[in-house]
Amino acid sequence: MKLPIIKHLQKNNEAEKLENTLEVLESFCEHRSVKDNEMDVVGELITNIAGAVEMDKMVKDGMSEKDAANTFAKRVLGSIDQ
């Protein structure tokens, strides 16, 4: 997870486009010939894109970009700690 990338994606792309990209990447991961190292890279991409989608929702609900980024980061780190 890289917040600068998430912020960049959120600012420069429509949420619908990001969601479509997530669907394609998830489909890619489902194929049996995808190797572990490829899964790691795609997993990082999925995390960053999903973060951008979540940030976009929070910003549209009235949260500042900074608060949305911090909220998303805390949520991800909290789920890792569990």
PDB file of N, CA and C in Angstrom:
ATOM      1  N   MET A   1       0.845  -1.169   0.000  1.00  0.00           N
ATOM      2  CA  MET A   1       0.000   0.000   0.000  1.00  0.00           C
ATOM      3  C   MET A   1       0.893   1.236   0.000  1.00  0.00           C
ATOM      4  N   LYS A   2       0.668   2.105  -0.965  1.00  0.00           N
ATOM      5  CA  LYS A   2       1.454   3.330  -1.069  1.00  0.00           C
ATOM      6  C   LYS A   2       0.499   4.509  -1.204  1.00  0.00           C
ATOM      7  N   LEU A   3       0.394   5.282  -0.126  1.00  0.00           N
ATOM      8  CA  LEU A   3      -0.556   6.393  -0.111  1.00  0.00           C
ATOM      9  C   LEU A   3      -0.342   7.405  -1.233  1.00  0.00           C
ATOM     10  N   PRO A   4       0.904   7.759  -1.590  1.00  0.00           N
ATOM     11  CA  PRO A   4       1.049   8.708  -2.705  1.00  0.00           C
ATOM     12  C   PRO A   4       0.449   8.171  -4.011  1.00  0.00           C
ATOM     13  N   ILE A   5       0.588   6.881  -4.244  1.00  0.00           N
ATOM     14  CA  ILE A   5       0.011   6.278  -5.451  1.00  0.00           C
ATOM     15  C   ILE A   5      -1.504   6.264  -5.356  1.00  0.00           C
ATOM     16  N   ILE A   6      -2.029   5.911  -4.189  1.00  0.00           N
ATOM     17  CA  ILE A   6      -3.479   5.884  -3.990  1.00  0.00           C
ATOM     18  C   ILE A   6      -4.066   7.266  -4.226  1.00  0.00           C
ATOM     19  N   LYS A   7      -3.434   8.296  -3.678  1.00  0.00           N
ATOM     20  CA  LYS A   7      -3.911   9.670  -3.880  1.00  0.00           C
ATOM     21  C   LYS A   7      -3.882  10.045  -5.363  1.00  0.00           C
ATOM     22  N   HIS A   8      -2.799   9.674  -6.041  1.00  0.00           N
ATOM     23  CA  HIS A   8      -2.662   9.973  -7.467  1.00  0.00           C
ATOM     24  C   HIS A   8      -3.778   9.299  -8.267  1.00  0.00           C
ATOM     25  N   LEU A   9      -4.017   8.017  -7.997  1.00  0.00           N
ATOM     26  CA  LEU A   9      -5.068   7.292  -8.708  1.00  0.00           C
ATOM     27  C   LEU A   9      -6.434   7.911  -8.452  1.00  0.00           C
ATOM     28  N   GLN A  10      -6.689   8.267  -7.204  1.00  0.00           N
ATOM     29  CA  GLN A  10      -7.985   8.833  -6.835  1.00  0.00           C
ATOM     30  C   GLN A  10      -8.221  10.176  -7.513  1.00  0.00           C
ATOM     31  N   LYS A  11      -7.195  10.995  -7.579  1.00  0.00           N
ATOM     32  CA  LYS A  11      -7.342  12.334  -8.168  1.00  0.00           C
ATOM     33  C   LYS A  11      -7.472  12.297  -9.688  1.00  0.00           C
ATOM     34  N   ASN A  12      -6.833  11.330 -10.332  1.00  0.00           N
ATOM     35  CA  ASN A  12      -6.704  11.356 -11.784  1.00  0.00           C
ATOM     36  C   ASN A  12      -7.562  10.350 -12.542  1.00  0.00           C
ATOM     37  N   ASN A  13      -8.448   9.650 -11.828  1.00  0.00           N
ATOM     38  CA  ASN A  13      -9.273   8.636 -12.487  1.00  0.00           C
ATOM     39  C   ASN A  13     -10.674   8.637 -11.912  1.00  0.00           C
ATOM     40  N   GLU A  14     -11.622   8.287 -12.736  1.00  0.00           N
ATOM     41  CA  GLU A  14     -12.994   8.150 -12.283  1.00  0.00           C
ATOM     42  C   GLU A  14     -13.126   6.830 -11.527  1.00  0.00           C
ATOM     43  N   ALA A  15     -13.979   6.814 -10.523  1.00  0.00           N
ATOM     44  CA  ALA A  15     -14.178   5.614  -9.705  1.00  0.00           C
ATOM     45  C   ALA A  15     -14.616   4.423 -10.556  1.00  0.00           C
ATOM     46  N   GLU A  16     -15.448   4.659 -11.538  1.00  0.00           N
ATOM     47  CA  GLU A  16     -15.933   3.565 -12.396  1.00  0.00           C
ATOM     48  C   GLU A  16     -14.777   2.906 -13.155  1.00  0.00           C
ATOM     49  N   LYS A  17     -13.862   3.725 -13.643  1.00  0.00           N
ATOM     50  CA  LYS A  17     -12.706   3.185 -14.357  1.00  0.00           C
ATOM     51  C   LYS A  17     -11.834   2.350 -13.424  1.00  0.00           C
ATOM     52  N   LEU A  18     -11.649   2.829 -12.196  1.00  0.00           N
ATOM     53  CA  LEU A  18     -10.855   2.083 -11.219  1.00  0.00           C
ATOM     54  C   LEU A  18     -11.530   0.756 -10.867  1.00  0.00           C
ATOM     55  N   GLU A  19     -12.844   0.771 -10.709  1.00  0.00           N
ATOM     56  CA  GLU A  19     -13.577  -0.449 -10.379  1.00  0.00           C
ATOM     57  C   GLU A  19     -13.494  -1.466 -11.512  1.00  0.00           C
ATOM     58  N   ASN A  20     -13.556  -1.002 -12.750  1.00  0.00           N
ATOM     59  CA  ASN A  20     -13.404  -1.901 -13.899  1.00  0.00           C
ATOM     60  C   ASN A  20     -12.010  -2.518 -13.924  1.00  0.00           C
ATOM     61  N   THR A  21     -11.018  -1.724 -13.605  1.00  0.00           N
ATOM     62  CA  THR A  21      -9.649  -2.223 -13.557  1.00  0.00           C
ATOM     63  C   THR A  21      -9.506  -3.296 -12.488  1.00  0.00           C
ATOM     64  N   LEU A  22     -10.131  -3.086 -11.335  1.00  0.00           N
ATOM     65  CA  LEU A  22     -10.107  -4.090 -10.269  1.00  0.00           C
ATOM     66  C   LEU A  22     -10.691  -5.417 -10.752  1.00  0.00           C
ATOM     67  N   GLU A  23     -11.786  -5.347 -11.473  1.00  0.00           N
ATOM     68  CA  GLU A  23     -12.412  -6.568 -11.975  1.00  0.00           C
ATOM     69  C   GLU A  23     -11.469  -7.334 -12.903  1.00  0.00           C
ATOM     70  N   VAL A  24     -10.779  -6.616 -13.772  1.00  0.00           N
ATOM     71  CA  VAL A  24      -9.848  -7.258 -14.699  1.00  0.00           C
ATOM     72  C   VAL A  24      -8.687  -7.898 -13.937  1.00  0.00           C
ATOM     73  N   LEU A  25      -8.122  -7.181 -12.981  1.00  0.00           N
ATOM     74  CA  LEU A  25      -6.999  -7.724 -12.209  1.00  0.00           C
ATOM     75  C   LEU A  25      -7.421  -8.940 -11.389  1.00  0.00           C
ATOM     76  N   GLU A  26      -8.602  -8.893 -10.809  1.00  0.00           N
ATOM     77  CA  GLU A  26      -9.096 -10.041 -10.046  1.00  0.00           C
ATOM     78  C   GLU A  26      -9.297 -11.247 -10.958  1.00  0.00           C
ATOM     79  N   SER A  27      -9.802 -11.021 -12.143  1.00  0.00           N
ATOM     80  CA  SER A  27      -9.978 -12.100 -13.111  1.00  0.00           C
ATOM     81  C   SER A  27      -8.624 -12.694 -13.505  1.00  0.00           C
ATOM     82  N   PHE A  28      -7.651 -11.836 -13.710  1.00  0.00           N
ATOM     83  CA  PHE A  28      -6.291 -12.283 -14.039  1.00  0.00           C
ATOM     84  C   PHE A  28      -5.772 -13.228 -12.958  1.00  0.00           C
ATOM     85  N   CYS A  29      -5.986 -12.871 -11.703  1.00  0.00           N
ATOM     86  CA  CYS A  29      -5.477 -13.667 -10.578  1.00  0.00           C
ATOM     87  C   CYS A  29      -6.130 -15.040 -10.481  1.00  0.00           C
ATOM     88  N   GLU A  30      -7.313 -15.179 -11.030  1.00  0.00           N
ATOM     89  CA  GLU A  30      -8.030 -16.439 -10.947  1.00  0.00           C
ATOM     90  C   GLU A  30      -7.477 -17.511 -11.881  1.00  0.00           C
ATOM     91  N   HIS A  31      -6.668 -17.114 -12.848  1.00  0.00           N
ATOM     92  CA  HIS A  31      -6.144 -18.100 -13.796  1.00  0.00           C
ATOM     93  C   HIS A  31      -5.054 -18.936 -13.140  1.00  0.00           C
ATOM     94  N   ARG A  32      -5.071 -20.210 -13.408  1.00  0.00           N
ATOM     95  CA  ARG A  32      -4.158 -21.146 -12.736  1.00  0.00           C
ATOM     96  C   ARG A  32      -2.693 -20.974 -13.101  1.00  0.00           C
ATOM     97  N   SER A  33      -2.399 -20.313 -14.214  1.00  0.00           N
ATOM     98  CA  SER A  33      -0.994 -20.178 -14.604  1.00  0.00           C
ATOM     99  C   SER A  33      -0.302 -18.950 -14.005  1.00  0.00           C
ATOM    100  N   VAL A  34      -1.026 -18.164 -13.227  1.00  0.00           N
ATOM    101  CA  VAL A  34      -0.432 -16.979 -12.605  1.00  0.00           C
ATOM    102  C   VAL A  34       0.504 -17.442 -11.485  1.00  0.00           C
ATOM    103  N   LYS A  35       1.738 -16.970 -11.557  1.00  0.00           N
ATOM    104  CA  LYS A  35       2.759 -17.373 -10.583  1.00  0.00           C
ATOM    105  C   LYS A  35       2.663 -16.524  -9.314  1.00  0.00           C
ATOM    106  N   ASP A  36       3.290 -17.008  -8.240  1.00  0.00           N
ATOM    107  CA  ASP A  36       3.242 -16.313  -6.951  1.00  0.00           C
ATOM    108  C   ASP A  36       3.788 -14.893  -7.030  1.00  0.00           C
ATOM    109  N   ASN A  37       4.909 -14.707  -7.728  1.00  0.00           N
ATOM    110  CA  ASN A  37       5.482 -13.359  -7.813  1.00  0.00           C
ATOM    111  C   ASN A  37       4.571 -12.417  -8.601  1.00  0.00           C
ATOM    112  N   GLU A  38       3.872 -12.941  -9.589  1.00  0.00           N
ATOM    113  CA  GLU A  38       2.908 -12.125 -10.336  1.00  0.00           C
ATOM    114  C   GLU A  38       1.712 -11.779  -9.438  1.00  0.00           C
ATOM    115  N   MET A  39       1.301 -12.753  -8.624  1.00  0.00           N
ATOM    116  CA  MET A  39       0.200 -12.512  -7.677  1.00  0.00           C
ATOM    117  C   MET A  39       0.559 -11.407  -6.698  1.00  0.00           C
ATOM    118  N   ASP A  40       1.802 -11.390  -6.241  1.00  0.00           N
ATOM    119  CA  ASP A  40       2.236 -10.352  -5.306  1.00  0.00           C
ATOM    120  C   ASP A  40       2.126  -8.967  -5.930  1.00  0.00           C
ATOM    121  N   VAL A  41       2.573  -8.853  -7.169  1.00  0.00           N
ATOM    122  CA  VAL A  41       2.527  -7.557  -7.859  1.00  0.00           C
ATOM    123  C   VAL A  41       1.080  -7.130  -8.087  1.00  0.00           C
ATOM    124  N   VAL A  42       0.269  -8.042  -8.562  1.00  0.00           N
ATOM    125  CA  VAL A  42      -1.135  -7.721  -8.824  1.00  0.00           C
ATOM    126  C   VAL A  42      -1.857  -7.406  -7.513  1.00  0.00           C
ATOM    127  N   GLY A  43      -1.511  -8.112  -6.453  1.00  0.00           N
ATOM    128  CA  GLY A  43      -2.108  -7.833  -5.149  1.00  0.00           C
ATOM    129  C   GLY A  43      -1.815  -6.423  -4.685  1.00  0.00           C
ATOM    130  N   GLU A  44      -0.594  -5.976  -4.902  1.00  0.00           N
ATOM    131  CA  GLU A  44      -0.227  -4.595  -4.548  1.00  0.00           C
ATOM    132  C   GLU A  44      -1.020  -3.597  -5.397  1.00  0.00           C
ATOM    133  N   LEU A  45      -1.168  -3.889  -6.678  1.00  0.00           N
ATOM    134  CA  LEU A  45      -1.958  -3.019  -7.550  1.00  0.00           C
ATOM    135  C   LEU A  45      -3.414  -2.966  -7.089  1.00  0.00           C
ATOM    136  N   ILE A  46      -3.960  -4.122  -6.761  1.00  0.00           N
ATOM    137  CA  ILE A  46      -5.350  -4.180  -6.311  1.00  0.00           C
ATOM    138  C   ILE A  46      -5.535  -3.367  -5.030  1.00  0.00           C
ATOM    139  N   THR A  47      -4.602  -3.503  -4.098  1.00  0.00           N
ATOM    140  CA  THR A  47      -4.694  -2.743  -2.848  1.00  0.00           C
ATOM    141  C   THR A  47      -4.692  -1.244  -3.108  1.00  0.00           C
ATOM    142  N   ASN A  48      -3.788  -0.798  -3.965  1.00  0.00           N
ATOM    143  CA  ASN A  48      -3.706   0.630  -4.261  1.00  0.00           C
ATOM    144  C   ASN A  48      -4.951   1.141  -4.985  1.00  0.00           C
ATOM    145  N   ILE A  49      -5.443   0.376  -5.933  1.00  0.00           N
ATOM    146  CA  ILE A  49      -6.632   0.808  -6.677  1.00  0.00           C
ATOM    147  C   ILE A  49      -7.859   0.785  -5.775  1.00  0.00           C
ATOM    148  N   ALA A  50      -8.001  -0.264  -4.969  1.00  0.00           N
ATOM    149  CA  ALA A  50      -9.136  -0.334  -4.040  1.00  0.00           C
ATOM    150  C   ALA A  50      -9.073   0.823  -3.048  1.00  0.00           C
ATOM    151  N   GLY A  51      -7.878   1.183  -2.625  1.00  0.00           N
ATOM    152  CA  GLY A  51      -7.709   2.331  -1.741  1.00  0.00           C
ATOM    153  C   GLY A  51      -8.168   3.614  -2.393  1.00  0.00           C
ATOM    154  N   ALA A  52      -7.862   3.763  -3.671  1.00  0.00           N
ATOM    155  CA  ALA A  52      -8.288   4.958  -4.403  1.00  0.00           C
ATOM    156  C   ALA A  52      -9.811   5.022  -4.506  1.00  0.00           C
ATOM    157  N   VAL A  53     -10.441   3.871  -4.721  1.00  0.00           N
ATOM    158  CA  VAL A  53     -11.903   3.826  -4.790  1.00  0.00           C
ATOM    159  C   VAL A  53     -12.508   4.204  -3.440  1.00  0.00           C
ATOM    160  N   GLU A  54     -11.958   3.641  -2.373  1.00  0.00           N
ATOM    161  CA  GLU A  54     -12.456   3.957  -1.023  1.00  0.00           C
ATOM    162  C   GLU A  54     -12.241   5.432  -0.696  1.00  0.00           C
ATOM    163  N   MET A  55     -11.072   5.953  -1.012  1.00  0.00           N
ATOM    164  CA  MET A  55     -10.802   7.379  -0.771  1.00  0.00           C
ATOM    165  C   MET A  55     -11.778   8.249  -1.540  1.00  0.00           C
ATOM    166  N   ASP A  56     -12.052   7.884  -2.779  1.00  0.00           N
ATOM    167  CA  ASP A  56     -12.968   8.660  -3.603  1.00  0.00           C
ATOM    168  C   ASP A  56     -14.352   8.719  -2.952  1.00  0.00           C
ATOM    169  N   LYS A  57     -14.812   7.573  -2.426  1.00  0.00           N
ATOM    170  CA  LYS A  57     -16.117   7.542  -1.750  1.00  0.00           C
ATOM    171  C   LYS A  57     -16.119   8.459  -0.529  1.00  0.00           C
ATOM    172  N   MET A  58     -15.041   8.410   0.249  1.00  0.00           N
ATOM    173  CA  MET A  58     -14.975   9.244   1.455  1.00  0.00           C
ATOM    174  C   MET A  58     -14.926  10.731   1.106  1.00  0.00           C
ATOM    175  N   VAL A  59     -14.179  11.085   0.070  1.00  0.00           N
ATOM    176  CA  VAL A  59     -14.078  12.482  -0.358  1.00  0.00           C
ATOM    177  C   VAL A  59     -15.438  12.967  -0.862  1.00  0.00           C
ATOM    178  N   LYS A  60     -16.123  12.129  -1.627  1.00  0.00           N
ATOM    179  CA  LYS A  60     -17.445  12.508  -2.129  1.00  0.00           C
ATOM    180  C   LYS A  60     -18.460  12.664  -0.995  1.00  0.00           C
ATOM    181  N   ASP A  61     -18.213  11.949   0.115  1.00  0.00           N
ATOM    182  CA  ASP A  61     -19.090  12.074   1.289  1.00  0.00           C
ATOM    183  C   ASP A  61     -18.726  13.285   2.153  1.00  0.00           C
ATOM    184  N   GLY A  62     -17.731  14.065   1.714  1.00  0.00           N
ATOM    185  CA  GLY A  62     -17.404  15.303   2.403  1.00  0.00           C
ATOM    186  C   GLY A  62     -16.124  15.301   3.222  1.00  0.00           C
ATOM    187  N   MET A  63     -15.404  14.205   3.241  1.00  0.00           N
ATOM    188  CA  MET A  63     -14.157  14.133   4.004  1.00  0.00           C
ATOM    189  C   MET A  63     -13.027  14.764   3.183  1.00  0.00           C
ATOM    190  N   SER A  64     -12.080  15.381   3.859  1.00  0.00           N
ATOM    191  CA  SER A  64     -10.935  15.940   3.141  1.00  0.00           C
ATOM    192  C   SER A  64     -10.069  14.792   2.601  1.00  0.00           C
ATOM    193  N   GLU A  65      -9.290  15.083   1.577  1.00  0.00           N
ATOM    194  CA  GLU A  65      -8.419  14.053   0.999  1.00  0.00           C
ATOM    195  C   GLU A  65      -7.435  13.517   2.035  1.00  0.00           C
ATOM    196  N   LYS A  66      -6.906  14.403   2.842  1.00  0.00           N
ATOM    197  CA  LYS A  66      -5.935  13.995   3.865  1.00  0.00           C
ATOM    198  C   LYS A  66      -6.590  13.049   4.874  1.00  0.00           C
ATOM    199  N   ASP A  67      -7.779  13.414   5.355  1.00  0.00           N
ATOM    200  CA  ASP A  67      -8.482  12.564   6.318  1.00  0.00           C
ATOM    201  C   ASP A  67      -8.894  11.236   5.691  1.00  0.00           C
ATOM    202  N   ALA A  68      -9.303  11.269   4.435  1.00  0.00           N
ATOM    203  CA  ALA A  68      -9.687  10.033   3.737  1.00  0.00           C
ATOM    204  C   ALA A  68      -8.486   9.101   3.605  1.00  0.00           C
ATOM    205  N   ALA A  69      -7.329   9.653   3.264  1.00  0.00           N
ATOM    206  CA  ALA A  69      -6.114   8.840   3.146  1.00  0.00           C
ATOM    207  C   ALA A  69      -5.729   8.244   4.489  1.00  0.00           C
ATOM    208  N   ASN A  70      -5.784   9.046   5.532  1.00  0.00           N
ATOM    209  CA  ASN A  70      -5.437   8.559   6.871  1.00  0.00           C
ATOM    210  C   ASN A  70      -6.421   7.489   7.347  1.00  0.00           C
ATOM    211  N   THR A  71      -7.691   7.701   7.091  1.00  0.00           N
ATOM    212  CA  THR A  71      -8.713   6.729   7.490  1.00  0.00           C
ATOM    213  C   THR A  71      -8.497   5.397   6.786  1.00  0.00           C
ATOM    214  N   PHE A  72      -8.223   5.455   5.482  1.00  0.00           N
ATOM    215  CA  PHE A  72      -7.987   4.216   4.737  1.00  0.00           C
ATOM    216  C   PHE A  72      -6.737   3.504   5.251  1.00  0.00           C
ATOM    217  N   ALA A  73      -5.667   4.255   5.472  1.00  0.00           N
ATOM    218  CA  ALA A  73      -4.421   3.653   5.959  1.00  0.00           C
ATOM    219  C   ALA A  73      -4.630   2.993   7.318  1.00  0.00           C
ATOM    220  N   LYS A  74      -5.356   3.649   8.202  1.00  0.00           N
ATOM    221  CA  LYS A  74      -5.632   3.069   9.526  1.00  0.00           C
ATOM    222  C   LYS A  74      -6.462   1.792   9.409  1.00  0.00           C
ATOM    223  N   ARG A  75      -7.420   1.813   8.503  1.00  0.00           N
ATOM    224  CA  ARG A  75      -8.261   0.627   8.299  1.00  0.00           C
ATOM    225  C   ARG A  75      -7.420  -0.560   7.815  1.00  0.00           C
ATOM    226  N   VAL A  76      -6.531  -0.314   6.852  1.00  0.00           N
ATOM    227  CA  VAL A  76      -5.684  -1.385   6.326  1.00  0.00           C
ATOM    228  C   VAL A  76      -4.724  -1.885   7.406  1.00  0.00           C
ATOM    229  N   LEU A  77      -4.081  -0.973   8.094  1.00  0.00           N
ATOM    230  CA  LEU A  77      -3.147  -1.381   9.136  1.00  0.00           C
ATOM    231  C   LEU A  77      -3.851  -2.096  10.274  1.00  0.00           C
ATOM    232  N   GLY A  78      -5.060  -1.679  10.588  1.00  0.00           N
ATOM    233  CA  GLY A  78      -5.846  -2.344  11.617  1.00  0.00           C
ATOM    234  C   GLY A  78      -6.211  -3.762  11.245  1.00  0.00           C
ATOM    235  N   SER A  79      -6.503  -3.984   9.955  1.00  0.00           N
ATOM    236  CA  SER A  79      -6.844  -5.338   9.526  1.00  0.00           C
ATOM    237  C   SER A  79      -5.620  -6.238   9.493  1.00  0.00           C
ATOM    238  N   ILE A  80      -4.453  -5.673   9.286  1.00  0.00           N
ATOM    239  CA  ILE A  80      -3.215  -6.441   9.298  1.00  0.00           C
ATOM    240  C   ILE A  80      -2.871  -6.865  10.706  1.00  0.00           C
ATOM    241  N   ASP A  81      -3.122  -5.991  11.671  1.00  0.00           N
ATOM    242  CA  ASP A  81      -2.787  -6.278  13.075  1.00  0.00           C
ATOM    243  C   ASP A  81      -3.631  -7.399  13.672  1.00  0.00           C
ATOM    244  N   GLN A  82      -4.789  -7.658  13.077  1.00  0.00           N
ATOM    245  CA  GLN A  82      -5.704  -8.651  13.670  1.00  0.00           C
ATOM    246  C   GLN A  82      -5.264 -10.046  13.432  1.00  0.00           C
TER     247      GLN A  82
END
